[in-house]
PDB file of all heavy atoms in Angstrom:
ATOM      1  N   SER A   1     -83.218   9.518 -56.015  1.00  0.00           N
ATOM      2  CA  SER A   1     -82.485  10.761 -56.228  1.00  0.00           C
ATOM      3  C   SER A   1     -83.425  11.912 -56.568  1.00  0.00           C
ATOM      4  O   SER A   1     -83.353  13.001 -55.983  1.00  0.00           O
ATOM      5  CB  SER A   1     -81.466  10.561 -57.351  1.00  0.00           C
ATOM      6  OG  SER A   1     -80.874  11.785 -57.699  1.00  0.00           O
ATOM      7  N   LYS A   2     -84.328  11.701 -57.517  1.00  0.00           N
ATOM      8  CA  LYS A   2     -85.236  12.757 -57.962  1.00  0.00           C
ATOM      9  C   LYS A   2     -86.187  13.192 -56.841  1.00  0.00           C
ATOM     10  O   LYS A   2     -86.367  14.383 -56.603  1.00  0.00           O
ATOM     11  CB  LYS A   2     -86.056  12.294 -59.172  1.00  0.00           C
ATOM     12  CG  LYS A   2     -85.255  11.962 -60.404  1.00  0.00           C
ATOM     13  CD  LYS A   2     -84.750  13.193 -61.088  1.00  0.00           C
ATOM     14  CE  LYS A   2     -85.859  13.787 -61.929  1.00  0.00           C
ATOM     15  NZ  LYS A   2     -85.414  14.820 -62.843  1.00  0.00           N
ATOM     16  N   ILE A   3     -86.782  12.231 -56.157  1.00  0.00           N
ATOM     17  CA  ILE A   3     -87.729  12.557 -55.090  1.00  0.00           C
ATOM     18  C   ILE A   3     -86.994  13.156 -53.898  1.00  0.00           C
ATOM     19  O   ILE A   3     -87.438  14.142 -53.314  1.00  0.00           O
ATOM     20  CB  ILE A   3     -88.554  11.317 -54.701  1.00  0.00           C
ATOM     21  CG1 ILE A   3     -89.472  10.925 -55.866  1.00  0.00           C
ATOM     22  CG2 ILE A   3     -89.361  11.569 -53.437  1.00  0.00           C
ATOM     23  CD1 ILE A   3     -90.146   9.580 -55.717  1.00  0.00           C
ATOM     24  N   GLY A   4     -85.859  12.576 -53.555  1.00  0.00           N
ATOM     25  CA  GLY A   4     -85.073  13.094 -52.434  1.00  0.00           C
ATOM     26  C   GLY A   4     -84.647  14.532 -52.636  1.00  0.00           C
ATOM     27  O   GLY A   4     -84.760  15.362 -51.723  1.00  0.00           O
ATOM     28  N   ASP A   5     -84.170  14.854 -53.823  1.00  0.00           N
ATOM     29  CA  ASP A   5     -83.758  16.225 -54.110  1.00  0.00           C
ATOM     30  C   ASP A   5     -84.923  17.197 -53.967  1.00  0.00           C
ATOM     31  O   ASP A   5     -84.767  18.309 -53.468  1.00  0.00           O
ATOM     32  CB  ASP A   5     -83.178  16.338 -55.528  1.00  0.00           C
ATOM     33  CG  ASP A   5     -81.823  15.674 -55.668  1.00  0.00           C
ATOM     34  OD1 ASP A   5     -81.207  15.348 -54.629  1.00  0.00           O
ATOM     35  OD2 ASP A   5     -81.382  15.475 -56.820  1.00  0.00           O
ATOM     36  N   LYS A   6     -86.089  16.770 -54.409  1.00  0.00           N
ATOM     37  CA  LYS A   6     -87.264  17.649 -54.376  1.00  0.00           C
ATOM     38  C   LYS A   6     -87.741  17.898 -52.955  1.00  0.00           C
ATOM     39  O   LYS A   6     -88.011  19.031 -52.570  1.00  0.00           O
ATOM     40  CB  LYS A   6     -88.399  17.039 -55.213  1.00  0.00           C
ATOM     41  CG  LYS A   6     -89.601  17.907 -55.349  1.00  0.00           C
ATOM     42  CD  LYS A   6     -89.307  19.268 -55.934  1.00  0.00           C
ATOM     43  CE  LYS A   6     -88.839  19.161 -57.358  1.00  0.00           C
ATOM     44  NZ  LYS A   6     -88.511  20.435 -57.983  1.00  0.00           N
ATOM     45  N   ILE A   7     -87.839  16.842 -52.147  1.00  0.00           N
ATOM     46  CA  ILE A   7     -88.418  17.029 -50.823  1.00  0.00           C
ATOM     47  C   ILE A   7     -87.445  17.671 -49.834  1.00  0.00           C
ATOM     48  O   ILE A   7     -87.887  18.304 -48.885  1.00  0.00           O
ATOM     49  CB  ILE A   7     -88.993  15.719 -50.248  1.00  0.00           C
ATOM     50  CG1 ILE A   7     -87.919  14.667 -50.085  1.00  0.00           C
ATOM     51  CG2 ILE A   7     -90.133  15.222 -51.090  1.00  0.00           C
ATOM     52  CD1 ILE A   7     -88.407  13.386 -49.454  1.00  0.00           C
ATOM     53  N   ARG A   8     -86.166  17.553 -50.067  1.00  0.00           N
ATOM     54  CA  ARG A   8     -85.202  18.168 -49.145  1.00  0.00           C
ATOM     55  C   ARG A   8     -85.373  19.679 -49.030  1.00  0.00           C
ATOM     56  O   ARG A   8     -85.103  20.253 -47.990  1.00  0.00           O
ATOM     57  CB  ARG A   8     -83.779  17.830 -49.566  1.00  0.00           C
ATOM     58  CG  ARG A   8     -83.343  16.477 -49.091  1.00  0.00           C
ATOM     59  CD  ARG A   8     -81.857  16.214 -49.352  1.00  0.00           C
ATOM     60  NE  ARG A   8     -81.630  14.793 -49.311  1.00  0.00           N
ATOM     61  CZ  ARG A   8     -81.625  13.990 -50.371  1.00  0.00           C
ATOM     62  NH1 ARG A   8     -81.798  14.465 -51.577  1.00  0.00           N
ATOM     63  NH2 ARG A   8     -81.428  12.699 -50.234  1.00  0.00           N
ATOM     64  N   LYS A   9     -85.817  20.314 -50.083  1.00  0.00           N
ATOM     65  CA  LYS A   9     -85.957  21.768 -50.019  1.00  0.00           C
ATOM     66  C   LYS A   9     -87.249  22.204 -49.326  1.00  0.00           C
ATOM     67  O   LYS A   9     -87.398  23.361 -48.984  1.00  0.00           O
ATOM     68  CB  LYS A   9     -85.841  22.392 -51.406  1.00  0.00           C
ATOM     69  CG  LYS A   9     -86.977  22.162 -52.342  1.00  0.00           C
ATOM     70  CD  LYS A   9     -86.693  22.864 -53.662  1.00  0.00           C
ATOM     71  CE  LYS A   9     -87.920  22.869 -54.550  1.00  0.00           C
ATOM     72  NZ  LYS A   9     -87.673  23.548 -55.802  1.00  0.00           N
ATOM     73  N   PHE A  10     -88.184  21.264 -49.080  1.00  0.00           N
ATOM     74  CA  PHE A  10     -89.444  21.610 -48.438  1.00  0.00           C
ATOM     75  C   PHE A  10     -89.579  21.062 -47.022  1.00  0.00           C
ATOM     76  O   PHE A  10     -90.281  21.630 -46.207  1.00  0.00           O
ATOM     77  CB  PHE A  10     -90.631  21.077 -49.252  1.00  0.00           C
ATOM     78  CG  PHE A  10     -90.825  21.782 -50.559  1.00  0.00           C
ATOM     79  CD1 PHE A  10     -90.432  21.189 -51.744  1.00  0.00           C
ATOM     80  CD2 PHE A  10     -91.390  23.036 -50.613  1.00  0.00           C
ATOM     81  CE1 PHE A  10     -90.618  21.834 -52.959  1.00  0.00           C
ATOM     82  CE2 PHE A  10     -91.568  23.692 -51.813  1.00  0.00           C
ATOM     83  CZ  PHE A  10     -91.181  23.086 -52.990  1.00  0.00           C
ATOM     84  N   VAL A  11     -88.937  19.949 -46.724  1.00  0.00           N
ATOM     85  CA  VAL A  11     -89.179  19.234 -45.480  1.00  0.00           C
ATOM     86  C   VAL A  11     -88.046  19.507 -44.490  1.00  0.00           C
ATOM     87  O   VAL A  11     -86.877  19.417 -44.837  1.00  0.00           O
ATOM     88  CB  VAL A  11     -89.307  17.719 -45.754  1.00  0.00           C
ATOM     89  CG1 VAL A  11     -89.528  16.952 -44.477  1.00  0.00           C
ATOM     90  CG2 VAL A  11     -90.446  17.458 -46.730  1.00  0.00           C
ATOM     91  N   THR A  12     -88.436  19.824 -43.252  1.00  0.00           N
ATOM     92  CA  THR A  12     -87.429  20.126 -42.235  1.00  0.00           C
ATOM     93  C   THR A  12     -87.341  19.054 -41.156  1.00  0.00           C
ATOM     94  O   THR A  12     -86.411  19.059 -40.373  1.00  0.00           O
ATOM     95  CB  THR A  12     -87.745  21.475 -41.562  1.00  0.00           C
ATOM     96  OG1 THR A  12     -89.049  21.402 -40.965  1.00  0.00           O
ATOM     97  CG2 THR A  12     -87.697  22.606 -42.570  1.00  0.00           C
ATOM     98  N   LYS A  13     -88.326  18.153 -41.101  1.00  0.00           N
ATOM     99  CA  LYS A  13     -88.336  17.099 -40.095  1.00  0.00           C
ATOM    100  C   LYS A  13     -88.290  15.739 -40.792  1.00  0.00           C
ATOM    101  O   LYS A  13     -88.449  15.659 -42.002  1.00  0.00           O
ATOM    102  CB  LYS A  13     -89.593  17.223 -39.239  1.00  0.00           C
ATOM    103  CG  LYS A  13     -89.606  18.515 -38.431  1.00  0.00           C
ATOM    104  CD  LYS A  13     -90.784  18.590 -37.528  1.00  0.00           C
ATOM    105  CE  LYS A  13     -90.723  19.910 -36.756  1.00  0.00           C
ATOM    106  NZ  LYS A  13     -91.927  20.131 -35.987  1.00  0.00           N
ATOM    107  N   PRO A  14     -88.093  14.655 -40.037  1.00  0.00           N
ATOM    108  CA  PRO A  14     -88.013  13.321 -40.648  1.00  0.00           C
ATOM    109  C   PRO A  14     -89.262  12.987 -41.464  1.00  0.00           C
ATOM    110  O   PRO A  14     -90.366  13.425 -41.153  1.00  0.00           O
ATOM    111  CB  PRO A  14     -87.883  12.383 -39.458  1.00  0.00           C
ATOM    112  CG  PRO A  14     -87.317  13.223 -38.377  1.00  0.00           C
ATOM    113  CD  PRO A  14     -87.884  14.608 -38.597  1.00  0.00           C
ATOM    114  N   ILE A  15     -89.041  12.199 -42.498  1.00  0.00           N
ATOM    115  CA  ILE A  15     -90.121  11.800 -43.378  1.00  0.00           C
ATOM    116  C   ILE A  15     -90.035  10.313 -43.686  1.00  0.00           C
ATOM    117  O   ILE A  15     -89.005   9.685 -43.486  1.00  0.00           O
ATOM    118  CB  ILE A  15     -90.098  12.569 -44.720  1.00  0.00           C
ATOM    119  CG1 ILE A  15     -88.763  12.342 -45.405  1.00  0.00           C
ATOM    120  CG2 ILE A  15     -90.384  14.025 -44.537  1.00  0.00           C
ATOM    121  CD1 ILE A  15     -88.802  12.599 -46.867  1.00  0.00           C
ATOM    122  N   HIS A  16     -91.132   9.808 -44.197  1.00  0.00           N
ATOM    123  CA  HIS A  16     -91.165   8.434 -44.701  1.00  0.00           C
ATOM    124  C   HIS A  16     -91.762   8.509 -46.104  1.00  0.00           C
ATOM    125  O   HIS A  16     -92.829   9.090 -46.296  1.00  0.00           O
ATOM    126  CB  HIS A  16     -92.027   7.548 -43.805  1.00  0.00           C
ATOM    127  CG  HIS A  16     -92.229   6.183 -44.365  1.00  0.00           C
ATOM    128  ND1 HIS A  16     -91.257   5.211 -44.328  1.00  0.00           N
ATOM    129  CD2 HIS A  16     -93.279   5.642 -45.016  1.00  0.00           C
ATOM    130  CE1 HIS A  16     -91.716   4.128 -44.924  1.00  0.00           C
ATOM    131  NE2 HIS A  16     -92.942   4.362 -45.353  1.00  0.00           N
ATOM    132  N   VAL A  17     -91.054   7.952 -47.065  1.00  0.00           N
ATOM    133  CA  VAL A  17     -91.535   7.943 -48.441  1.00  0.00           C
ATOM    134  C   VAL A  17     -91.594   6.502 -48.926  1.00  0.00           C
ATOM    135  O   VAL A  17     -90.632   5.754 -48.771  1.00  0.00           O
ATOM    136  CB  VAL A  17     -90.601   8.756 -49.369  1.00  0.00           C
ATOM    137  CG1 VAL A  17     -91.112   8.722 -50.797  1.00  0.00           C
ATOM    138  CG2 VAL A  17     -90.461  10.180 -48.885  1.00  0.00           C
ATOM    139  N   HIS A  18     -92.737   6.146 -49.493  1.00  0.00           N
ATOM    140  CA  HIS A  18     -92.906   4.809 -50.051  1.00  0.00           C
ATOM    141  C   HIS A  18     -93.284   4.966 -51.521  1.00  0.00           C
ATOM    142  O   HIS A  18     -94.297   5.592 -51.836  1.00  0.00           O
ATOM    143  CB  HIS A  18     -94.001   4.048 -49.294  1.00  0.00           C
ATOM    144  CG  HIS A  18     -94.178   2.651 -49.763  1.00  0.00           C
ATOM    145  ND1 HIS A  18     -93.341   1.635 -49.380  1.00  0.00           N
ATOM    146  CD2 HIS A  18     -95.073   2.104 -50.609  1.00  0.00           C
ATOM    147  CE1 HIS A  18     -93.731   0.515 -49.965  1.00  0.00           C
ATOM    148  NE2 HIS A  18     -94.779   0.779 -50.726  1.00  0.00           N
ATOM    149  N   VAL A  19     -92.465   4.416 -52.409  1.00  0.00           N
ATOM    150  CA  VAL A  19     -92.709   4.514 -53.848  1.00  0.00           C
ATOM    151  C   VAL A  19     -92.980   3.116 -54.383  1.00  0.00           C
ATOM    152  O   VAL A  19     -92.230   2.182 -54.104  1.00  0.00           O
ATOM    153  CB  VAL A  19     -91.505   5.142 -54.584  1.00  0.00           C
ATOM    154  CG1 VAL A  19     -91.767   5.216 -56.078  1.00  0.00           C
ATOM    155  CG2 VAL A  19     -91.191   6.527 -54.024  1.00  0.00           C
ATOM    156  N   THR A  20     -94.059   3.006 -55.162  1.00  0.00           N
ATOM    157  CA  THR A  20     -94.436   1.735 -55.766  1.00  0.00           C
ATOM    158  C   THR A  20     -94.419   1.870 -57.281  1.00  0.00           C
ATOM    159  O   THR A  20     -94.946   2.845 -57.822  1.00  0.00           O
ATOM    160  CB  THR A  20     -95.853   1.322 -55.317  1.00  0.00           C
ATOM    161  OG1 THR A  20     -95.902   1.314 -53.902  1.00  0.00           O
ATOM    162  CG2 THR A  20     -96.219  -0.040 -55.855  1.00  0.00           C
ATOM    163  N   PHE A  21     -93.797   0.909 -57.941  1.00  0.00           N
ATOM    164  CA  PHE A  21     -93.768   0.847 -59.399  1.00  0.00           C
ATOM    165  C   PHE A  21     -94.625  -0.336 -59.833  1.00  0.00           C
ATOM    166  O   PHE A  21     -94.508  -1.418 -59.263  1.00  0.00           O
ATOM    167  CB  PHE A  21     -92.342   0.614 -59.916  1.00  0.00           C
ATOM    168  CG  PHE A  21     -91.342   1.605 -59.432  1.00  0.00           C
ATOM    169  CD1 PHE A  21     -90.505   1.309 -58.368  1.00  0.00           C
ATOM    170  CD2 PHE A  21     -91.218   2.845 -60.036  1.00  0.00           C
ATOM    171  CE1 PHE A  21     -89.568   2.215 -57.929  1.00  0.00           C
ATOM    172  CE2 PHE A  21     -90.282   3.767 -59.597  1.00  0.00           C
ATOM    173  CZ  PHE A  21     -89.456   3.452 -58.543  1.00  0.00           C
ATOM    174  N   SER A  22     -95.462  -0.133 -60.838  1.00  0.00           N
ATOM    175  CA  SER A  22     -96.249  -1.254 -61.351  1.00  0.00           C
ATOM    176  C   SER A  22     -96.390  -1.123 -62.862  1.00  0.00           C
ATOM    177  O   SER A  22     -96.286  -0.030 -63.421  1.00  0.00           O
ATOM    178  CB  SER A  22     -97.622  -1.322 -60.683  1.00  0.00           C
ATOM    179  OG  SER A  22     -98.359  -0.156 -60.936  1.00  0.00           O
ATOM    180  N   VAL A  23     -96.612  -2.267 -63.498  1.00  0.00           N
ATOM    181  CA  VAL A  23     -96.801  -2.301 -64.948  1.00  0.00           C
ATOM    182  C   VAL A  23     -98.021  -3.165 -65.236  1.00  0.00           C
ATOM    183  O   VAL A  23     -98.137  -4.282 -64.732  1.00  0.00           O
ATOM    184  CB  VAL A  23     -95.564  -2.889 -65.669  1.00  0.00           C
ATOM    185  CG1 VAL A  23     -95.803  -2.967 -67.166  1.00  0.00           C
ATOM    186  CG2 VAL A  23     -94.318  -2.092 -65.356  1.00  0.00           C
ATOM    187  N   ASP A  24     -98.929  -2.617 -66.044  1.00  0.00           N
ATOM    188  CA  ASP A  24    -100.106  -3.358 -66.493  1.00  0.00           C
ATOM    189  C   ASP A  24    -100.160  -3.217 -68.007  1.00  0.00           C
ATOM    190  O   ASP A  24    -100.473  -2.140 -68.518  1.00  0.00           O
ATOM    191  CB  ASP A  24    -101.366  -2.798 -65.851  1.00  0.00           C
ATOM    192  CG  ASP A  24    -102.622  -3.555 -66.260  1.00  0.00           C
ATOM    193  OD1 ASP A  24    -102.516  -4.743 -66.615  1.00  0.00           O
ATOM    194  OD2 ASP A  24    -103.705  -2.943 -66.233  1.00  0.00           O
ATOM    195  N   LYS A  25     -99.806  -4.283 -68.691  1.00  0.00           N
ATOM    196  CA  LYS A  25     -99.669  -4.285 -70.141  1.00  0.00           C
ATOM    197  C   LYS A  25     -98.653  -3.223 -70.554  1.00  0.00           C
ATOM    198  O   LYS A  25     -97.487  -3.368 -70.270  1.00  0.00           O
ATOM    199  CB  LYS A  25    -101.014  -4.128 -70.821  1.00  0.00           C
ATOM    200  CG  LYS A  25    -101.952  -5.282 -70.528  1.00  0.00           C
ATOM    201  CD  LYS A  25    -103.199  -5.226 -71.317  1.00  0.00           C
ATOM    202  CE  LYS A  25    -104.061  -6.416 -70.903  1.00  0.00           C
ATOM    203  NZ  LYS A  25    -105.282  -6.477 -71.635  1.00  0.00           N
ATOM    204  N   HIS A  26     -99.081  -2.135 -71.179  1.00  0.00           N
ATOM    205  CA  HIS A  26     -98.137  -1.099 -71.626  1.00  0.00           C
ATOM    206  C   HIS A  26     -98.189   0.153 -70.763  1.00  0.00           C
ATOM    207  O   HIS A  26     -97.593   1.166 -71.113  1.00  0.00           O
ATOM    208  CB  HIS A  26     -98.429  -0.725 -73.082  1.00  0.00           C
ATOM    209  CG  HIS A  26     -98.259  -1.875 -74.021  1.00  0.00           C
ATOM    210  ND1 HIS A  26     -97.014  -2.396 -74.329  1.00  0.00           N
ATOM    211  CD2 HIS A  26     -99.160  -2.625 -74.693  1.00  0.00           C
ATOM    212  CE1 HIS A  26     -97.166  -3.408 -75.157  1.00  0.00           C
ATOM    213  NE2 HIS A  26     -98.465  -3.570 -75.395  1.00  0.00           N
ATOM    214  N   THR A  27     -98.910   0.085 -69.659  1.00  0.00           N
ATOM    215  CA  THR A  27     -99.045   1.244 -68.778  1.00  0.00           C
ATOM    216  C   THR A  27     -98.174   1.073 -67.552  1.00  0.00           C
ATOM    217  O   THR A  27     -98.337   0.122 -66.788  1.00  0.00           O
ATOM    218  CB  THR A  27    -100.517   1.433 -68.354  1.00  0.00           C
ATOM    219  OG1 THR A  27    -101.322   1.561 -69.531  1.00  0.00           O
ATOM    220  CG2 THR A  27    -100.672   2.673 -67.501  1.00  0.00           C
ATOM    221  N   HIS A  28     -97.241   1.982 -67.375  1.00  0.00           N
ATOM    222  CA  HIS A  28     -96.364   2.004 -66.209  1.00  0.00           C
ATOM    223  C   HIS A  28     -96.921   3.013 -65.214  1.00  0.00           C
ATOM    224  O   HIS A  28     -97.315   4.112 -65.612  1.00  0.00           O
ATOM    225  CB  HIS A  28     -94.946   2.398 -66.604  1.00  0.00           C
ATOM    226  CG  HIS A  28     -94.330   1.453 -67.572  1.00  0.00           C
ATOM    227  ND1 HIS A  28     -93.275   1.799 -68.369  1.00  0.00           N
ATOM    228  CD2 HIS A  28     -94.612   0.174 -67.876  1.00  0.00           C
ATOM    229  CE1 HIS A  28     -92.932   0.780 -69.117  1.00  0.00           C
ATOM    230  NE2 HIS A  28     -93.731  -0.221 -68.837  1.00  0.00           N
ATOM    231  N   THR A  29     -96.935   2.642 -63.947  1.00  0.00           N
ATOM    232  CA  THR A  29     -97.488   3.513 -62.915  1.00  0.00           C
ATOM    233  C   THR A  29     -96.489   3.674 -61.784  1.00  0.00           C
ATOM    234  O   THR A  29     -95.879   2.712 -61.339  1.00  0.00           O
ATOM    235  CB  THR A  29     -98.807   2.933 -62.354  1.00  0.00           C
ATOM    236  OG1 THR A  29     -99.718   2.747 -63.436  1.00  0.00           O
ATOM    237  CG2 THR A  29     -99.427   3.853 -61.327  1.00  0.00           C
ATOM    238  N   VAL A  30     -96.343   4.911 -61.328  1.00  0.00           N
ATOM    239  CA  VAL A  30     -95.529   5.220 -60.156  1.00  0.00           C
ATOM    240  C   VAL A  30     -96.460   5.857 -59.131  1.00  0.00           C
ATOM    241  O   VAL A  30     -97.179   6.810 -59.437  1.00  0.00           O
ATOM    242  CB  VAL A  30     -94.379   6.193 -60.495  1.00  0.00           C
ATOM    243  CG1 VAL A  30     -93.613   6.571 -59.231  1.00  0.00           C
ATOM    244  CG2 VAL A  30     -93.444   5.573 -61.511  1.00  0.00           C
ATOM    245  N   HIS A  31     -96.467   5.306 -57.929  1.00  0.00           N
ATOM    246  CA  HIS A  31     -97.275   5.835 -56.826  1.00  0.00           C
ATOM    247  C   HIS A  31     -96.316   6.205 -55.696  1.00  0.00           C
ATOM    248  O   HIS A  31     -95.468   5.402 -55.319  1.00  0.00           O
ATOM    249  CB  HIS A  31     -98.276   4.786 -56.345  1.00  0.00           C
ATOM    250  CG  HIS A  31     -99.114   5.257 -55.203  1.00  0.00           C
ATOM    251  ND1 HIS A  31    -100.304   5.905 -55.392  1.00  0.00           N
ATOM    252  CD2 HIS A  31     -98.922   5.206 -53.877  1.00  0.00           C
ATOM    253  CE1 HIS A  31    -100.811   6.228 -54.221  1.00  0.00           C
ATOM    254  NE2 HIS A  31     -99.980   5.800 -53.287  1.00  0.00           N
ATOM    255  N   CYS A  32     -96.468   7.402 -55.165  1.00  0.00           N
ATOM    256  CA  CYS A  32     -95.601   7.875 -54.084  1.00  0.00           C
ATOM    257  C   CYS A  32     -96.461   8.316 -52.907  1.00  0.00           C
ATOM    258  O   CYS A  32     -97.363   9.146 -53.063  1.00  0.00           O
ATOM    259  CB  CYS A  32     -94.746   9.041 -54.579  1.00  0.00           C
ATOM    260  SG  CYS A  32     -93.650   9.711 -53.318  1.00  0.00           S
ATOM    261  N   HIS A  33     -96.170   7.764 -51.745  1.00  0.00           N
ATOM    262  CA  HIS A  33     -96.855   8.137 -50.498  1.00  0.00           C
ATOM    263  C   HIS A  33     -95.800   8.732 -49.576  1.00  0.00           C
ATOM    264  O   HIS A  33     -94.813   8.082 -49.261  1.00  0.00           O
ATOM    265  CB  HIS A  33     -97.510   6.913 -49.870  1.00  0.00           C
ATOM    266  CG  HIS A  33     -98.254   7.222 -48.619  1.00  0.00           C
ATOM    267  ND1 HIS A  33     -98.520   6.281 -47.683  1.00  0.00           N
ATOM    268  CD2 HIS A  33     -98.806   8.367 -48.149  1.00  0.00           C
ATOM    269  CE1 HIS A  33     -99.191   6.820 -46.689  1.00  0.00           C
ATOM    270  NE2 HIS A  33     -99.374   8.092 -46.956  1.00  0.00           N
ATOM    271  N   LEU A  34     -96.020   9.961 -49.163  1.00  0.00           N
ATOM    272  CA  LEU A  34     -95.053  10.691 -48.342  1.00  0.00           C
ATOM    273  C   LEU A  34     -95.719  11.113 -47.042  1.00  0.00           C
ATOM    274  O   LEU A  34     -96.785  11.734 -47.055  1.00  0.00           O
ATOM    275  CB  LEU A  34     -94.578  11.926 -49.113  1.00  0.00           C
ATOM    276  CG  LEU A  34     -93.464  12.749 -48.506  1.00  0.00           C
ATOM    277  CD1 LEU A  34     -92.579  13.273 -49.610  1.00  0.00           C
ATOM    278  CD2 LEU A  34     -94.012  13.887 -47.696  1.00  0.00           C
ATOM    279  N   VAL A  35     -95.110  10.743 -45.913  1.00  0.00           N
ATOM    280  CA  VAL A  35     -95.591  11.155 -44.595  1.00  0.00           C
ATOM    281  C   VAL A  35     -94.474  11.963 -43.963  1.00  0.00           C
ATOM    282  O   VAL A  35     -93.349  11.475 -43.813  1.00  0.00           O
ATOM    283  CB  VAL A  35     -95.934   9.940 -43.710  1.00  0.00           C
ATOM    284  CG1 VAL A  35     -96.389  10.402 -42.338  1.00  0.00           C
ATOM    285  CG2 VAL A  35     -96.981   9.070 -44.369  1.00  0.00           C
ATOM    286  N   GLY A  36     -94.777  13.209 -43.620  1.00  0.00           N
ATOM    287  CA  GLY A  36     -93.761  14.102 -43.086  1.00  0.00           C
ATOM    288  C   GLY A  36     -93.949  14.392 -41.616  1.00  0.00           C
ATOM    289  O   GLY A  36     -95.075  14.481 -41.124  1.00  0.00           O
ATOM    290  N   GLY A  37     -92.841  14.556 -40.926  1.00  0.00           N
ATOM    291  CA  GLY A  37     -92.857  14.940 -39.521  1.00  0.00           C
ATOM    292  C   GLY A  37     -93.394  16.344 -39.324  1.00  0.00           C
ATOM    293  O   GLY A  37     -93.696  16.757 -38.212  1.00  0.00           O
ATOM    294  N   ASP A  38     -93.523  17.095 -40.402  1.00  0.00           N
ATOM    295  CA  ASP A  38     -94.079  18.443 -40.327  1.00  0.00           C
ATOM    296  C   ASP A  38     -95.603  18.395 -40.273  1.00  0.00           C
ATOM    297  O   ASP A  38     -96.258  19.430 -40.302  1.00  0.00           O
ATOM    298  CB  ASP A  38     -93.647  19.277 -41.540  1.00  0.00           C
ATOM    299  CG  ASP A  38     -92.165  19.612 -41.510  1.00  0.00           C
ATOM    300  OD1 ASP A  38     -91.556  19.514 -40.431  1.00  0.00           O
ATOM    301  OD2 ASP A  38     -91.629  19.972 -42.561  1.00  0.00           O
ATOM    302  N   GLY A  39     -96.176  17.195 -40.240  1.00  0.00           N
ATOM    303  CA  GLY A  39     -97.615  17.040 -40.090  1.00  0.00           C
ATOM    304  C   GLY A  39     -98.398  16.922 -41.376  1.00  0.00           C
ATOM    305  O   GLY A  39     -99.562  17.276 -41.432  1.00  0.00           O
ATOM    306  N   PHE A  40     -97.789  16.419 -42.420  1.00  0.00           N
ATOM    307  CA  PHE A  40     -98.538  16.258 -43.661  1.00  0.00           C
ATOM    308  C   PHE A  40     -98.432  14.845 -44.196  1.00  0.00           C
ATOM    309  O   PHE A  40     -97.538  14.092 -43.842  1.00  0.00           O
ATOM    310  CB  PHE A  40     -98.129  17.279 -44.724  1.00  0.00           C
ATOM    311  CG  PHE A  40     -96.688  17.219 -45.108  1.00  0.00           C
ATOM    312  CD1 PHE A  40     -96.258  16.369 -46.101  1.00  0.00           C
ATOM    313  CD2 PHE A  40     -95.760  18.040 -44.487  1.00  0.00           C
ATOM    314  CE1 PHE A  40     -94.927  16.316 -46.468  1.00  0.00           C
ATOM    315  CE2 PHE A  40     -94.423  17.988 -44.855  1.00  0.00           C
ATOM    316  CZ  PHE A  40     -94.014  17.131 -45.833  1.00  0.00           C
ATOM    317  N   ASN A  41     -99.389  14.514 -45.042  1.00  0.00           N
ATOM    318  CA  ASN A  41     -99.499  13.189 -45.628  1.00  0.00           C
ATOM    319  C   ASN A  41     -99.920  13.389 -47.080  1.00  0.00           C
ATOM    320  O   ASN A  41    -101.021  13.868 -47.331  1.00  0.00           O
ATOM    321  CB  ASN A  41    -100.548  12.399 -44.845  1.00  0.00           C
ATOM    322  CG  ASN A  41    -100.651  10.969 -45.278  1.00  0.00           C
ATOM    323  OD1 ASN A  41     -99.939  10.508 -46.157  1.00  0.00           O
ATOM    324  ND2 ASN A  41    -101.563  10.256 -44.656  1.00  0.00           N
ATOM    325  N   LEU A  42     -99.046  13.069 -48.024  1.00  0.00           N
ATOM    326  CA  LEU A  42     -99.327  13.287 -49.441  1.00  0.00           C
ATOM    327  C   LEU A  42     -99.262  11.978 -50.218  1.00  0.00           C
ATOM    328  O   LEU A  42     -98.439  11.116 -49.908  1.00  0.00           O
ATOM    329  CB  LEU A  42     -98.301  14.240 -50.057  1.00  0.00           C
ATOM    330  CG  LEU A  42     -98.143  15.627 -49.462  1.00  0.00           C
ATOM    331  CD1 LEU A  42     -96.993  16.344 -50.133  1.00  0.00           C
ATOM    332  CD2 LEU A  42     -99.425  16.402 -49.626  1.00  0.00           C
ATOM    333  N   GLU A  43    -100.108  11.872 -51.218  1.00  0.00           N
ATOM    334  CA  GLU A  43    -100.036  10.755 -52.155  1.00  0.00           C
ATOM    335  C   GLU A  43    -100.158  11.310 -53.561  1.00  0.00           C
ATOM    336  O   GLU A  43    -101.041  12.124 -53.831  1.00  0.00           O
ATOM    337  CB  GLU A  43    -101.152   9.742 -51.897  1.00  0.00           C
ATOM    338  CG  GLU A  43    -100.931   8.965 -50.628  1.00  0.00           C
ATOM    339  CD  GLU A  43    -101.832   7.764 -50.523  1.00  0.00           C
ATOM    340  OE1 GLU A  43    -101.807   6.918 -51.444  1.00  0.00           O
ATOM    341  OE2 GLU A  43    -102.557   7.680 -49.530  1.00  0.00           O
TER     342      GLU A  43
END
């Protein structure tokens, strides 16, 4: 919901978003890789 709401206002073509959640002891990590049909690739 949070990521979808954010990217909808910027992206006009199809996209692929991959989100990874991981936990190492007490550290939680979120990694997001976004590939847009508008020709960009963000991590």
